[in-house]
Amino acid sequence: MQMIRAIIRPEKVDGVVDSLDNGGFCAFTKIDVFGRGRQKGIQIGPTIYDELAKVMLLIAASDEDTDEILRIIEDSARTGSFGDGKIFISPIEEAYTIRTGERGL
């Protein structure tokens, strides 16, 4: 099992979620976040925005689905400009469903 954390532009969220759903991956958690990457924010005229609004999607995935989910997110979130976001993948040791106590995804 893997935890996929995708930090993406807010205006791309609906497209990413729709693409994931069309690919059969409908379960996720969505969190509004603020941050900056290597570019340290943006400057518009004299104003510097050093923290930008982003959305983080958390997706628990089986090992065999991870590459497909990664491809879907990259394809649907990419604009080709700075600030498109980042995807982090880390292992999940265990997962439990609260209602049933079932282990795994």
PDB file of N, CA and C in Angstrom:
ATOM      1  N   MET A   1       0.844  -1.184   0.000  1.00  0.00           N
ATOM      2  CA  MET A   1       0.000   0.000   0.000  1.00  0.00           C
ATOM      3  C   MET A   1       0.884   1.240   0.000  1.00  0.00           C
ATOM      4  N   GLN A   2       0.386   2.270  -0.690  1.00  0.00           N
ATOM      5  CA  GLN A   2       1.127   3.524  -0.789  1.00  0.00           C
ATOM      6  C   GLN A   2       0.196   4.699  -0.471  1.00  0.00           C
ATOM      7  N   MET A   3       0.770   5.738   0.133  1.00  0.00           N
ATOM      8  CA  MET A   3       0.046   6.989   0.320  1.00  0.00           C
ATOM      9  C   MET A   3       0.571   7.969  -0.712  1.00  0.00           C
ATOM     10  N   ILE A   4      -0.312   8.458  -1.555  1.00  0.00           N
ATOM     11  CA  ILE A   4       0.043   9.437  -2.567  1.00  0.00           C
ATOM     12  C   ILE A   4      -0.451  10.791  -2.080  1.00  0.00           C
ATOM     13  N   ARG A   5       0.474  11.734  -1.968  1.00  0.00           N
ATOM     14  CA  ARG A   5       0.132  13.105  -1.596  1.00  0.00           C
ATOM     15  C   ARG A   5       0.429  13.982  -2.809  1.00  0.00           C
ATOM     16  N   ALA A   6      -0.608  14.502  -3.427  1.00  0.00           N
ATOM     17  CA  ALA A   6      -0.445  15.347  -4.607  1.00  0.00           C
ATOM     18  C   ALA A   6      -0.826  16.772  -4.231  1.00  0.00           C
ATOM     19  N   ILE A   7       0.125  17.685  -4.362  1.00  0.00           N
ATOM     20  CA  ILE A   7      -0.122  19.095  -4.091  1.00  0.00           C
ATOM     21  C   ILE A   7      -0.218  19.780  -5.447  1.00  0.00           C
ATOM     22  N   ILE A   8      -1.413  20.302  -5.749  1.00  0.00           N
ATOM     23  CA  ILE A   8      -1.688  20.804  -7.097  1.00  0.00           C
ATOM     24  C   ILE A   8      -2.342  22.185  -7.059  1.00  0.00           C
ATOM     25  N   ARG A   9      -2.403  22.808  -8.225  1.00  0.00           N
ATOM     26  CA  ARG A   9      -3.071  24.104  -8.357  1.00  0.00           C
ATOM     27  C   ARG A   9      -4.575  23.942  -8.075  1.00  0.00           C
ATOM     28  N   PRO A  10      -5.174  24.908  -7.360  1.00  0.00           N
ATOM     29  CA  PRO A  10      -6.620  24.804  -7.061  1.00  0.00           C
ATOM     30  C   PRO A  10      -7.486  24.707  -8.311  1.00  0.00           C
ATOM     31  N   GLU A  11      -7.096  25.405  -9.380  1.00  0.00           N
ATOM     32  CA  GLU A  11      -7.925  25.397 -10.585  1.00  0.00           C
ATOM     33  C   GLU A  11      -7.851  24.073 -11.346  1.00  0.00           C
ATOM     34  N   LYS A  12      -6.942  23.185 -10.961  1.00  0.00           N
ATOM     35  CA  LYS A  12      -6.802  21.887 -11.623  1.00  0.00           C
ATOM     36  C   LYS A  12      -7.489  20.759 -10.863  1.00  0.00           C
ATOM     37  N   VAL A  13      -7.973  21.036  -9.663  1.00  0.00           N
ATOM     38  CA  VAL A  13      -8.511  19.972  -8.797  1.00  0.00           C
ATOM     39  C   VAL A  13      -9.675  19.233  -9.443  1.00  0.00           C
ATOM     40  N   ASP A  14     -10.658  19.959  -9.961  1.00  0.00           N
ATOM     41  CA  ASP A  14     -11.836  19.287 -10.533  1.00  0.00           C
ATOM     42  C   ASP A  14     -11.440  18.355 -11.675  1.00  0.00           C
ATOM     43  N   GLY A  15     -10.538  18.801 -12.524  1.00  0.00           N
ATOM     44  CA  GLY A  15     -10.081  17.960 -13.626  1.00  0.00           C
ATOM     45  C   GLY A  15      -9.337  16.728 -13.156  1.00  0.00           C
ATOM     46  N   VAL A  16      -8.506  16.892 -12.129  1.00  0.00           N
ATOM     47  CA  VAL A  16      -7.763  15.758 -11.583  1.00  0.00           C
ATOM     48  C   VAL A  16      -8.722  14.755 -10.954  1.00  0.00           C
ATOM     49  N   VAL A  17      -9.661  15.256 -10.150  1.00  0.00           N
ATOM     50  CA  VAL A  17     -10.638  14.371  -9.490  1.00  0.00           C
ATOM     51  C   VAL A  17     -11.484  13.639 -10.521  1.00  0.00           C
ATOM     52  N   ASP A  18     -11.943  14.350 -11.561  1.00  0.00           N
ATOM     53  CA  ASP A  18     -12.731  13.699 -12.614  1.00  0.00           C
ATOM     54  C   ASP A  18     -11.912  12.617 -13.325  1.00  0.00           C
ATOM     55  N   SER A  19     -10.649  12.916 -13.616  1.00  0.00           N
ATOM     56  CA  SER A  19      -9.790  11.936 -14.290  1.00  0.00           C
ATOM     57  C   SER A  19      -9.545  10.714 -13.417  1.00  0.00           C
ATOM     58  N   LEU A  20      -9.319  10.943 -12.123  1.00  0.00           N
ATOM     59  CA  LEU A  20      -9.145   9.810 -11.204  1.00  0.00           C
ATOM     60  C   LEU A  20     -10.412   8.963 -11.150  1.00  0.00           C
ATOM     61  N   ASP A  21     -11.562   9.630 -11.053  1.00  0.00           N
ATOM     62  CA  ASP A  21     -12.837   8.920 -10.998  1.00  0.00           C
ATOM     63  C   ASP A  21     -13.064   8.112 -12.273  1.00  0.00           C
ATOM     64  N   ASN A  22     -12.771   8.696 -13.426  1.00  0.00           N
ATOM     65  CA  ASN A  22     -12.915   7.986 -14.699  1.00  0.00           C
ATOM     66  C   ASN A  22     -11.967   6.791 -14.785  1.00  0.00           C
ATOM     67  N   GLY A  23     -10.827   6.878 -14.081  1.00  0.00           N
ATOM     68  CA  GLY A  23      -9.877   5.772 -14.047  1.00  0.00           C
ATOM     69  C   GLY A  23     -10.212   4.712 -13.008  1.00  0.00           C
ATOM     70  N   GLY A  24     -11.300   4.929 -12.259  1.00  0.00           N
ATOM     71  CA  GLY A  24     -11.727   3.955 -11.257  1.00  0.00           C
ATOM     72  C   GLY A  24     -11.171   4.215  -9.869  1.00  0.00           C
ATOM     73  N   PHE A  25     -10.604   5.402  -9.654  1.00  0.00           N
ATOM     74  CA  PHE A  25     -10.013   5.738  -8.355  1.00  0.00           C
ATOM     75  C   PHE A  25     -10.800   6.893  -7.752  1.00  0.00           C
ATOM     76  N   CYS A  26     -11.870   6.555  -7.026  1.00  0.00           N
ATOM     77  CA  CYS A  26     -12.797   7.582  -6.553  1.00  0.00           C
ATOM     78  C   CYS A  26     -12.570   8.004  -5.104  1.00  0.00           C
ATOM     79  N   ALA A  27     -11.747   7.291  -4.351  1.00  0.00           N
ATOM     80  CA  ALA A  27     -11.558   7.587  -2.929  1.00  0.00           C
ATOM     81  C   ALA A  27     -10.342   8.486  -2.729  1.00  0.00           C
ATOM     82  N   PHE A  28     -10.547   9.610  -2.041  1.00  0.00           N
ATOM     83  CA  PHE A  28      -9.461  10.540  -1.760  1.00  0.00           C
ATOM     84  C   PHE A  28      -9.872  11.460  -0.630  1.00  0.00           C
ATOM     85  N   THR A  29      -8.917  12.177  -0.088  1.00  0.00           N
ATOM     86  CA  THR A  29      -9.148  13.256   0.866  1.00  0.00           C
ATOM     87  C   THR A  29      -8.583  14.516   0.250  1.00  0.00           C
ATOM     88  N   LYS A  30      -9.316  15.622   0.358  1.00  0.00           N
ATOM     89  CA  LYS A  30      -8.890  16.887  -0.233  1.00  0.00           C
ATOM     90  C   LYS A  30      -8.720  17.918   0.875  1.00  0.00           C
ATOM     91  N   ILE A  31      -7.559  18.597   0.872  1.00  0.00           N
ATOM     92  CA  ILE A  31      -7.247  19.590   1.902  1.00  0.00           C
ATOM     93  C   ILE A  31      -6.728  20.855   1.218  1.00  0.00           C
ATOM     94  N   ASP A  32      -7.274  22.013   1.589  1.00  0.00           N
ATOM     95  CA  ASP A  32      -6.739  23.287   1.106  1.00  0.00           C
ATOM     96  C   ASP A  32      -5.486  23.607   1.916  1.00  0.00           C
ATOM     97  N   VAL A  33      -4.400  23.908   1.228  1.00  0.00           N
ATOM     98  CA  VAL A  33      -3.122  24.186   1.883  1.00  0.00           C
ATOM     99  C   VAL A  33      -2.488  25.438   1.271  1.00  0.00           C
ATOM    100  N   PHE A  34      -1.463  25.955   1.932  1.00  0.00           N
ATOM    101  CA  PHE A  34      -0.669  27.067   1.426  1.00  0.00           C
ATOM    102  C   PHE A  34       0.789  26.678   1.502  1.00  0.00           C
ATOM    103  N   GLY A  35       1.568  27.119   0.533  1.00  0.00           N
ATOM    104  CA  GLY A  35       2.989  26.806   0.569  1.00  0.00           C
ATOM    105  C   GLY A  35       3.701  27.441  -0.605  1.00  0.00           C
ATOM    106  N   ARG A  36       4.950  27.055  -0.743  1.00  0.00           N
ATOM    107  CA  ARG A  36       5.752  27.534  -1.857  1.00  0.00           C
ATOM    108  C   ARG A  36       6.786  26.499  -2.200  1.00  0.00           C
ATOM    109  N   GLY A  37       7.233  26.545  -3.432  1.00  0.00           N
ATOM    110  CA  GLY A  37       8.263  25.637  -3.892  1.00  0.00           C
ATOM    111  C   GLY A  37       9.596  26.346  -3.996  1.00  0.00           C
ATOM    112  N   ARG A  38      10.445  25.814  -4.848  1.00  0.00           N
ATOM    113  CA  ARG A  38      11.783  26.372  -5.014  1.00  0.00           C
ATOM    114  C   ARG A  38      11.779  27.803  -5.533  1.00  0.00           C
ATOM    115  N   GLN A  39      10.711  28.171  -6.248  1.00  0.00           N
ATOM    116  CA  GLN A  39      10.658  29.517  -6.804  1.00  0.00           C
ATOM    117  C   GLN A  39      10.369  30.569  -5.728  1.00  0.00           C
ATOM    118  N   LYS A  40      10.051  30.144  -4.506  1.00  0.00           N
ATOM    119  CA  LYS A  40       9.804  31.026  -3.356  1.00  0.00           C
ATOM    120  C   LYS A  40       8.648  31.985  -3.598  1.00  0.00           C
ATOM    121  N   GLY A  41       7.586  31.496  -4.198  1.00  0.00           N
ATOM    122  CA  GLY A  41       6.419  32.325  -4.443  1.00  0.00           C
ATOM    123  C   GLY A  41       6.516  33.038  -5.779  1.00  0.00           C
ATOM    124  N   ILE A  42       5.687  34.069  -5.932  1.00  0.00           N
ATOM    125  CA  ILE A  42       5.690  34.837  -7.184  1.00  0.00           C
ATOM    126  C   ILE A  42       5.652  36.327  -6.861  1.00  0.00           C
ATOM    127  N   GLN A  43       6.089  37.131  -7.820  1.00  0.00           N
ATOM    128  CA  GLN A  43       6.015  38.577  -7.688  1.00  0.00           C
ATOM    129  C   GLN A  43       5.160  39.120  -8.821  1.00  0.00           C
ATOM    130  N   ILE A  44       4.151  39.903  -8.452  1.00  0.00           N
ATOM    131  CA  ILE A  44       3.291  40.575  -9.417  1.00  0.00           C
ATOM    132  C   ILE A  44       3.407  42.058  -9.126  1.00  0.00           C
ATOM    133  N   GLY A  45       4.084  42.750 -10.015  1.00  0.00           N
ATOM    134  CA  GLY A  45       4.377  44.159  -9.760  1.00  0.00           C
ATOM    135  C   GLY A  45       5.238  44.272  -8.516  1.00  0.00           C
ATOM    136  N   PRO A  46       4.898  45.189  -7.618  1.00  0.00           N
ATOM    137  CA  PRO A  46       5.700  45.336  -6.397  1.00  0.00           C
ATOM    138  C   PRO A  46       5.327  44.338  -5.293  1.00  0.00           C
ATOM    139  N   THR A  47       4.259  43.563  -5.520  1.00  0.00           N
ATOM    140  CA  THR A  47       3.766  42.653  -4.483  1.00  0.00           C
ATOM    141  C   THR A  47       4.364  41.266  -4.641  1.00  0.00           C
ATOM    142  N   ILE A  48       4.867  40.726  -3.518  1.00  0.00           N
ATOM    143  CA  ILE A  48       5.429  39.375  -3.500  1.00  0.00           C
ATOM    144  C   ILE A  48       4.476  38.472  -2.728  1.00  0.00           C
ATOM    145  N   TYR A  49       4.073  37.382  -3.366  1.00  0.00           N
ATOM    146  CA  TYR A  49       3.250  36.371  -2.717  1.00  0.00           C
ATOM    147  C   TYR A  49       4.155  35.185  -2.429  1.00  0.00           C
ATOM    148  N   ASP A  50       4.579  35.053  -1.167  1.00  0.00           N
ATOM    149  CA  ASP A  50       5.544  33.998  -0.866  1.00  0.00           C
ATOM    150  C   ASP A  50       4.886  32.700  -0.421  1.00  0.00           C
ATOM    151  N   GLU A  51       3.573  32.706  -0.236  1.00  0.00           N
ATOM    152  CA  GLU A  51       2.828  31.474   0.019  1.00  0.00           C
ATOM    153  C   GLU A  51       1.613  31.473  -0.892  1.00  0.00           C
ATOM    154  N   LEU A  52       1.470  30.391  -1.626  1.00  0.00           N
ATOM    155  CA  LEU A  52       0.400  30.299  -2.615  1.00  0.00           C
ATOM    156  C   LEU A  52      -0.619  29.240  -2.213  1.00  0.00           C
ATOM    157  N   ALA A  53      -1.869  29.479  -2.569  1.00  0.00           N
ATOM    158  CA  ALA A  53      -2.927  28.507  -2.313  1.00  0.00           C
ATOM    159  C   ALA A  53      -2.723  27.290  -3.202  1.00  0.00           C
ATOM    160  N   LYS A  54      -2.803  26.121  -2.606  1.00  0.00           N
ATOM    161  CA  LYS A  54      -2.732  24.842  -3.321  1.00  0.00           C
ATOM    162  C   LYS A  54      -3.778  23.920  -2.718  1.00  0.00           C
ATOM    163  N   VAL A  55      -3.959  22.768  -3.327  1.00  0.00           N
ATOM    164  CA  VAL A  55      -4.842  21.736  -2.787  1.00  0.00           C
ATOM    165  C   VAL A  55      -4.027  20.460  -2.697  1.00  0.00           C
ATOM    166  N   MET A  56      -4.147  19.768  -1.565  1.00  0.00           N
ATOM    167  CA  MET A  56      -3.465  18.492  -1.410  1.00  0.00           C
ATOM    168  C   MET A  56      -4.502  17.373  -1.460  1.00  0.00           C
ATOM    169  N   LEU A  57      -4.278  16.439  -2.382  1.00  0.00           N
ATOM    170  CA  LEU A  57      -5.095  15.232  -2.452  1.00  0.00           C
ATOM    171  C   LEU A  57      -4.321  14.101  -1.795  1.00  0.00           C
ATOM    172  N   LEU A  58      -4.967  13.399  -0.897  1.00  0.00           N
ATOM    173  CA  LEU A  58      -4.388  12.220  -0.257  1.00  0.00           C
ATOM    174  C   LEU A  58      -5.119  11.007  -0.796  1.00  0.00           C
ATOM    175  N   ILE A  59      -4.348  10.071  -1.352  1.00  0.00           N
ATOM    176  CA  ILE A  59      -4.946   8.883  -1.958  1.00  0.00           C
ATOM    177  C   ILE A  59      -4.203   7.658  -1.463  1.00  0.00           C
ATOM    178  N   ALA A  60      -4.910   6.767  -0.805  1.00  0.00           N
ATOM    179  CA  ALA A  60      -4.334   5.484  -0.404  1.00  0.00           C
ATOM    180  C   ALA A  60      -4.510   4.527  -1.573  1.00  0.00           C
ATOM    181  N   ALA A  61      -3.407   3.922  -2.012  1.00  0.00           N
ATOM    182  CA  ALA A  61      -3.447   3.095  -3.222  1.00  0.00           C
ATOM    183  C   ALA A  61      -2.749   1.769  -2.999  1.00  0.00           C
ATOM    184  N   SER A  62      -3.216   0.765  -3.707  1.00  0.00           N
ATOM    185  CA  SER A  62      -2.496  -0.509  -3.706  1.00  0.00           C
ATOM    186  C   SER A  62      -1.205  -0.312  -4.500  1.00  0.00           C
ATOM    187  N   ASP A  63      -0.231  -1.147  -4.244  1.00  0.00           N
ATOM    188  CA  ASP A  63       1.060  -1.025  -4.933  1.00  0.00           C
ATOM    189  C   ASP A  63       0.887  -1.088  -6.451  1.00  0.00           C
ATOM    190  N   GLU A  64       0.000  -1.960  -6.919  1.00  0.00           N
ATOM    191  CA  GLU A  64      -0.155  -2.128  -8.365  1.00  0.00           C
ATOM    192  C   GLU A  64      -0.900  -0.957  -9.025  1.00  0.00           C
ATOM    193  N   ASP A  65      -1.646  -0.149  -8.254  1.00  0.00           N
ATOM    194  CA  ASP A  65      -2.362   0.999  -8.819  1.00  0.00           C
ATOM    195  C   ASP A  65      -1.569   2.305  -8.759  1.00  0.00           C
ATOM    196  N   THR A  66      -0.487   2.325  -8.007  1.00  0.00           N
ATOM    197  CA  THR A  66       0.249   3.569  -7.755  1.00  0.00           C
ATOM    198  C   THR A  66       0.728   4.239  -9.041  1.00  0.00           C
ATOM    199  N   ASP A  67       1.344   3.492  -9.946  1.00  0.00           N
ATOM    200  CA  ASP A  67       1.869   4.093 -11.179  1.00  0.00           C
ATOM    201  C   ASP A  67       0.758   4.690 -12.039  1.00  0.00           C
ATOM    202  N   GLU A  68      -0.380   4.025 -12.116  1.00  0.00           N
ATOM    203  CA  GLU A  68      -1.500   4.531 -12.915  1.00  0.00           C
ATOM    204  C   GLU A  68      -2.065   5.815 -12.304  1.00  0.00           C
ATOM    205  N   ILE A  69      -2.210   5.840 -10.990  1.00  0.00           N
ATOM    206  CA  ILE A  69      -2.709   7.043 -10.321  1.00  0.00           C
ATOM    207  C   ILE A  69      -1.731   8.194 -10.521  1.00  0.00           C
ATOM    208  N   LEU A  70      -0.451   7.924 -10.398  1.00  0.00           N
ATOM    209  CA  LEU A  70       0.577   8.937 -10.625  1.00  0.00           C
ATOM    210  C   LEU A  70       0.468   9.507 -12.041  1.00  0.00           C
ATOM    211  N   ARG A  71       0.311   8.656 -13.033  1.00  0.00           N
ATOM    212  CA  ARG A  71       0.191   9.101 -14.421  1.00  0.00           C
ATOM    213  C   ARG A  71      -1.049   9.976 -14.618  1.00  0.00           C
ATOM    214  N   ILE A  72      -2.173   9.562 -14.045  1.00  0.00           N
ATOM    215  CA  ILE A  72      -3.417  10.322 -14.174  1.00  0.00           C
ATOM    216  C   ILE A  72      -3.260  11.711 -13.570  1.00  0.00           C
ATOM    217  N   ILE A  73      -2.676  11.786 -12.380  1.00  0.00           N
ATOM    218  CA  ILE A  73      -2.497  13.086 -11.726  1.00  0.00           C
ATOM    219  C   ILE A  73      -1.564  13.969 -12.544  1.00  0.00           C
ATOM    220  N   GLU A  74      -0.445  13.424 -12.971  1.00  0.00           N
ATOM    221  CA  GLU A  74       0.509  14.220 -13.762  1.00  0.00           C
ATOM    222  C   GLU A  74      -0.135  14.744 -15.046  1.00  0.00           C
ATOM    223  N   ASP A  75      -0.835  13.877 -15.762  1.00  0.00           N
ATOM    224  CA  ASP A  75      -1.435  14.270 -17.038  1.00  0.00           C
ATOM    225  C   ASP A  75      -2.526  15.328 -16.867  1.00  0.00           C
ATOM    226  N   SER A  76      -3.309  15.227 -15.797  1.00  0.00           N
ATOM    227  CA  SER A  76      -4.444  16.140 -15.642  1.00  0.00           C
ATOM    228  C   SER A  76      -4.106  17.396 -14.849  1.00  0.00           C
ATOM    229  N   ALA A  77      -2.981  17.431 -14.144  1.00  0.00           N
ATOM    230  CA  ALA A  77      -2.618  18.606 -13.346  1.00  0.00           C
ATOM    231  C   ALA A  77      -1.561  19.476 -14.010  1.00  0.00           C
ATOM    232  N   ARG A  78      -0.872  18.965 -15.016  1.00  0.00           N
ATOM    233  CA  ARG A  78       0.260  19.680 -15.616  1.00  0.00           C
ATOM    234  C   ARG A  78      -0.192  20.837 -16.504  1.00  0.00           C
ATOM    235  N   THR A  79       0.406  22.011 -16.267  1.00  0.00           N
ATOM    236  CA  THR A  79       0.230  23.159 -17.166  1.00  0.00           C
ATOM    237  C   THR A  79       1.533  23.455 -17.898  1.00  0.00           C
ATOM    238  N   GLY A  80       2.648  22.983 -17.350  1.00  0.00           N
ATOM    239  CA  GLY A  80       3.950  23.257 -17.927  1.00  0.00           C
ATOM    240  C   GLY A  80       4.607  24.494 -17.363  1.00  0.00           C
ATOM    241  N   SER A  81       3.951  25.146 -16.419  1.00  0.00           N
ATOM    242  CA  SER A  81       4.490  26.352 -15.794  1.00  0.00           C
ATOM    243  C   SER A  81       4.974  26.053 -14.379  1.00  0.00           C
ATOM    244  N   PHE A  82       5.793  26.978 -13.853  1.00  0.00           N
ATOM    245  CA  PHE A  82       6.192  26.861 -12.454  1.00  0.00           C
ATOM    246  C   PHE A  82       4.948  26.834 -11.587  1.00  0.00           C
ATOM    247  N   GLY A  83       4.996  26.051 -10.508  1.00  0.00           N
ATOM    248  CA  GLY A  83       3.887  26.006  -9.576  1.00  0.00           C
ATOM    249  C   GLY A  83       2.853  24.943  -9.858  1.00  0.00           C
ATOM    250  N   ASP A  84       3.153  24.010 -10.772  1.00  0.00           N
ATOM    251  CA  ASP A  84       2.207  22.935 -11.056  1.00  0.00           C
ATOM    252  C   ASP A  84       2.019  22.009  -9.862  1.00  0.00           C
ATOM    253  N   GLY A  85       3.009  21.927  -8.977  1.00  0.00           N
ATOM    254  CA  GLY A  85       2.852  21.127  -7.776  1.00  0.00           C
ATOM    255  C   GLY A  85       3.877  20.026  -7.653  1.00  0.00           C
ATOM    256  N   LYS A  86       3.593  19.115  -6.734  1.00  0.00           N
ATOM    257  CA  LYS A  86       4.519  18.038  -6.403  1.00  0.00           C
ATOM    258  C   LYS A  86       3.696  16.830  -5.977  1.00  0.00           C
ATOM    259  N   ILE A  87       4.259  15.655  -6.215  1.00  0.00           N
ATOM    260  CA  ILE A  87       3.621  14.407  -5.776  1.00  0.00           C
ATOM    261  C   ILE A  87       4.616  13.653  -4.913  1.00  0.00           C
ATOM    262  N   PHE A  88       4.164  13.229  -3.748  1.00  0.00           N
ATOM    263  CA  PHE A  88       4.991  12.460  -2.825  1.00  0.00           C
ATOM    264  C   PHE A  88       4.336  11.096  -2.627  1.00  0.00           C
ATOM    265  N   ILE A  89       5.129  10.049  -2.635  1.00  0.00           N
ATOM    266  CA  ILE A  89       4.618   8.694  -2.428  1.00  0.00           C
ATOM    267  C   ILE A  89       5.391   8.068  -1.276  1.00  0.00           C
ATOM    268  N   SER A  90       4.667   7.529  -0.315  1.00  0.00           N
ATOM    269  CA  SER A  90       5.304   6.875   0.828  1.00  0.00           C
ATOM    270  C   SER A  90       4.505   5.624   1.190  1.00  0.00           C
ATOM    271  N   PRO A  91       5.174   4.668   1.810  1.00  0.00           N
ATOM    272  CA  PRO A  91       4.489   3.412   2.156  1.00  0.00           C
ATOM    273  C   PRO A  91       3.495   3.590   3.302  1.00  0.00           C
ATOM    274  N   ILE A  92       2.446   2.799   3.236  1.00  0.00           N
ATOM    275  CA  ILE A  92       1.477   2.692   4.330  1.00  0.00           C
ATOM    276  C   ILE A  92       1.718   1.336   4.978  1.00  0.00           C
ATOM    277  N   GLU A  93       1.993   1.337   6.253  1.00  0.00           N
ATOM    278  CA  GLU A  93       2.239   0.069   6.935  1.00  0.00           C
ATOM    279  C   GLU A  93       0.955  -0.698   7.185  1.00  0.00           C
ATOM    280  N   GLU A  94      -0.084   0.006   7.618  1.00  0.00           N
ATOM    281  CA  GLU A  94      -1.356  -0.648   7.884  1.00  0.00           C
ATOM    282  C   GLU A  94      -2.482   0.347   7.655  1.00  0.00           C
ATOM    283  N   ALA A  95      -3.663  -0.168   7.343  1.00  0.00           N
ATOM    284  CA  ALA A  95      -4.864   0.652   7.212  1.00  0.00           C
ATOM    285  C   ALA A  95      -6.037  -0.144   7.772  1.00  0.00           C
ATOM    286  N   TYR A  96      -6.925   0.559   8.461  1.00  0.00           N
ATOM    287  CA  TYR A  96      -8.095  -0.074   9.056  1.00  0.00           C
ATOM    288  C   TYR A  96      -9.335   0.734   8.725  1.00  0.00           C
ATOM    289  N   THR A  97     -10.429   0.053   8.425  1.00  0.00           N
ATOM    290  CA  THR A  97     -11.713   0.722   8.257  1.00  0.00           C
ATOM    291  C   THR A  97     -12.360   0.811   9.622  1.00  0.00           C
ATOM    292  N   ILE A  98     -12.697   2.011  10.036  1.00  0.00           N
ATOM    293  CA  ILE A  98     -13.220   2.223  11.393  1.00  0.00           C
ATOM    294  C   ILE A  98     -14.537   1.487  11.601  1.00  0.00           C
ATOM    295  N   ARG A  99     -15.441   1.589  10.639  1.00  0.00           N
ATOM    296  CA  ARG A  99     -16.774   0.999  10.803  1.00  0.00           C
ATOM    297  C   ARG A  99     -16.706  -0.517  10.998  1.00  0.00           C
ATOM    298  N   THR A 100     -15.873  -1.199  10.190  1.00  0.00           N
ATOM    299  CA  THR A 100     -15.866  -2.659  10.217  1.00  0.00           C
ATOM    300  C   THR A 100     -14.654  -3.268  10.906  1.00  0.00           C
ATOM    301  N   GLY A 101     -13.611  -2.465  11.080  1.00  0.00           N
ATOM    302  CA  GLY A 101     -12.372  -2.993  11.639  1.00  0.00           C
ATOM    303  C   GLY A 101     -11.530  -3.757  10.611  1.00  0.00           C
ATOM    304  N   GLU A 102     -11.985  -3.775   9.357  1.00  0.00           N
ATOM    305  CA  GLU A 102     -11.274  -4.491   8.297  1.00  0.00           C
ATOM    306  C   GLU A 102      -9.903  -3.872   8.073  1.00  0.00           C
ATOM    307  N   ARG A 103      -8.910  -4.741   7.831  1.00  0.00           N
ATOM    308  CA  ARG A 103      -7.537  -4.317   7.526  1.00  0.00           C
ATOM    309  C   ARG A 103      -7.346  -4.180   6.034  1.00  0.00           C
ATOM    310  N   GLY A 104      -6.476  -3.239   5.644  1.00  0.00           N
ATOM    311  CA  GLY A 104      -6.147  -3.063   4.233  1.00  0.00           C
ATOM    312  C   GLY A 104      -7.028  -2.000   3.588  1.00  0.00           C
ATOM    313  N   LEU A 105      -6.827  -1.852   2.295  1.00  0.00           N
ATOM    314  CA  LEU A 105      -7.622  -0.855   1.566  1.00  0.00           C
ATOM    315  C   LEU A 105      -8.966  -1.453   1.305  1.00  0.00           C
TER     316      LEU A 105
END
